[in-house]
Protein backbone atom coordinates (compact mmCIF):
# COMPACT_ATOMS: atom_id res chain seq x y z
CA MET A 1 3.26 11.29 5.66
CA ALA A 2 1.78 10.96 2.13
CA THR A 3 4.69 12.19 0.63
CA GLN A 4 7.01 9.77 2.30
CA LEU A 5 5.47 6.77 1.37
CA LYS A 6 6.53 5.04 -2.21
CA LYS A 7 5.47 2.88 -4.61
CA GLY A 8 6.28 -0.77 -3.84
CA ASP A 9 6.51 -0.15 0.20
CA LYS A 10 5.26 -3.11 1.85
CA VAL A 11 2.40 -1.90 4.11
CA ILE A 12 -0.39 -3.52 6.50
CA VAL A 13 -3.97 -2.64 6.45
CA ILE A 14 -4.80 -1.35 10.29
CA ALA A 15 -8.49 -0.46 9.89
CA GLY A 16 -11.51 -1.05 7.55
CA ASN A 17 -12.84 -4.92 6.18
CA ASP A 18 -9.35 -5.93 4.99
CA LYS A 19 -7.69 -5.21 8.45
CA GLY A 20 -4.53 -7.31 8.98
CA LYS A 21 -3.86 -8.03 5.11
CA THR A 22 -0.52 -6.89 3.76
CA GLY A 23 0.57 -6.05 0.25
CA ALA A 24 2.78 -3.67 -1.86
CA ILE A 25 1.88 -0.08 -2.68
CA GLN A 26 0.88 -0.25 -6.30
CA LYS A 27 -0.62 3.20 -6.91
CA ILE A 28 -0.48 6.54 -4.67
CA ASP A 29 -3.15 9.31 -5.11
CA ARG A 30 -1.51 12.37 -3.23
CA ILE A 31 -4.38 14.74 -4.07
CA HIS A 32 -7.35 12.47 -2.52
CA HIS A 33 -5.09 10.56 -0.02
CA ARG A 34 -5.65 7.34 -1.41
CA VAL A 35 -3.40 3.88 -1.98
CA VAL A 36 -3.99 1.13 -4.09
CA VAL A 37 -2.36 -1.97 -2.11
CA GLU A 38 -1.91 -5.36 -4.15
CA GLY A 39 -4.31 -8.02 -2.73
CA VAL A 40 -6.63 -5.54 -0.48
CA ASN A 41 -9.99 -4.23 -0.90
CA VAL A 42 -10.68 -6.46 -4.36
CA ARG A 43 -13.68 -5.85 -6.66
CA LYS A 44 -15.18 -7.44 -9.19
CA LYS A 45 -15.64 -5.81 -12.64
CA HIS A 46 -17.62 -7.53 -15.18
CA GLN A 47 -16.80 -7.21 -18.94
CA LYS A 48 -19.47 -7.14 -21.83
CA PRO A 49 -18.69 -9.55 -24.66
CA LYS A 50 -16.80 -7.89 -27.59
CA GLN A 51 -15.21 -8.86 -30.72
CA ASN A 52 -11.79 -9.83 -29.22
CA ASN A 53 -13.06 -11.59 -26.40
CA PRO A 54 -16.56 -13.17 -27.20
CA GLU A 55 -17.00 -14.74 -23.88
CA GLY A 56 -16.59 -11.46 -21.61
CA ALA A 57 -15.22 -11.94 -18.32
CA ILE A 58 -15.22 -11.04 -14.37
CA LEU A 59 -12.01 -9.23 -13.44
CA ASP A 60 -10.58 -8.68 -10.18
CA ILE A 61 -9.64 -4.99 -9.61
CA TYR A 62 -7.94 -3.38 -6.55
CA ALA A 63 -10.05 -0.26 -5.27
CA PRO A 64 -8.19 2.59 -3.42
CA ILE A 65 -8.43 2.74 0.26
CA HIS A 66 -7.64 5.65 2.05
CA LEU A 67 -3.80 6.35 3.57
CA SER A 68 -4.77 6.55 7.38
CA ASN A 69 -5.74 2.91 6.94
CA VAL A 70 -2.21 1.55 5.97
CA ALA A 71 1.04 1.36 7.85
CA LEU A 72 4.55 0.57 7.13
CA ILE A 73 5.95 -2.87 7.97
CA ASP A 74 8.94 -3.02 10.29
CA PRO A 75 11.62 -4.86 8.35
CA LYS A 76 12.72 -6.40 12.08
CA SER A 77 9.79 -7.24 13.72
CA LYS A 78 7.25 -7.73 10.58
CA LYS A 79 4.79 -5.53 12.56
CA ALA A 80 2.98 -2.32 11.50
CA THR A 81 5.05 0.59 12.48
CA ARG A 82 5.78 4.73 12.65
CA PHE A 83 8.53 6.10 10.92
CA LYS A 84 10.83 9.23 11.14
CA VAL A 85 12.82 10.61 8.20
CA SER A 86 16.76 11.12 9.43
CA VAL A 87 19.70 12.36 7.91
CA VAL A 88 22.53 9.60 7.77
CA LYS A 89 25.70 10.22 5.93
CA ASP A 90 24.50 13.18 3.91
CA LYS A 91 21.52 10.98 3.09
CA LYS A 92 17.74 10.98 3.94
CA VAL A 93 16.68 7.53 5.33
CA ARG A 94 13.32 6.42 6.66
CA LEU A 95 13.76 4.69 10.23
CA ALA A 96 11.26 2.52 11.89
CA VAL A 97 10.38 4.66 15.29
CA LYS A 98 10.59 1.38 17.73
CA SER A 99 13.21 -0.63 16.19
CA GLY A 100 15.33 2.06 14.67
CA ALA A 101 15.75 -0.19 11.19
CA THR A 102 16.11 1.54 7.86
CA ILE A 103 13.07 1.21 5.63
CA GLU A 104 13.69 0.80 2.22
C-alpha cells in the first residue's frame, strides 16, 4: 500500500491522538513506512535567537505518523476507504472499494 499512496493525496487519520483529522500528504518515507500529513501530529520547535532573527521563534512542524494510521478519503462519501488498482482503458487507476469511484 505504501507504493500506491502519493504526495498530495487526501487522507484521514484512523488511529492515534489525531483520529478523525484530514489533510493532504506532504511527504512519504517509504523505507520507514511513515507519512507527513498537513495539520496532523503538530509539534513545536523552539529556535534560538540568531543574527538574522534576533527574537527567535516557536515554529509548528508536522511530525511523521505511521502509514497504517491513515486511509484515503472516498471522493463520493468523504469517508475512509480501501482502494484497489485496476486497468481502465490501458491505464492503471485507483478505485475506491465500496463506491467504485476513481481516486485522483
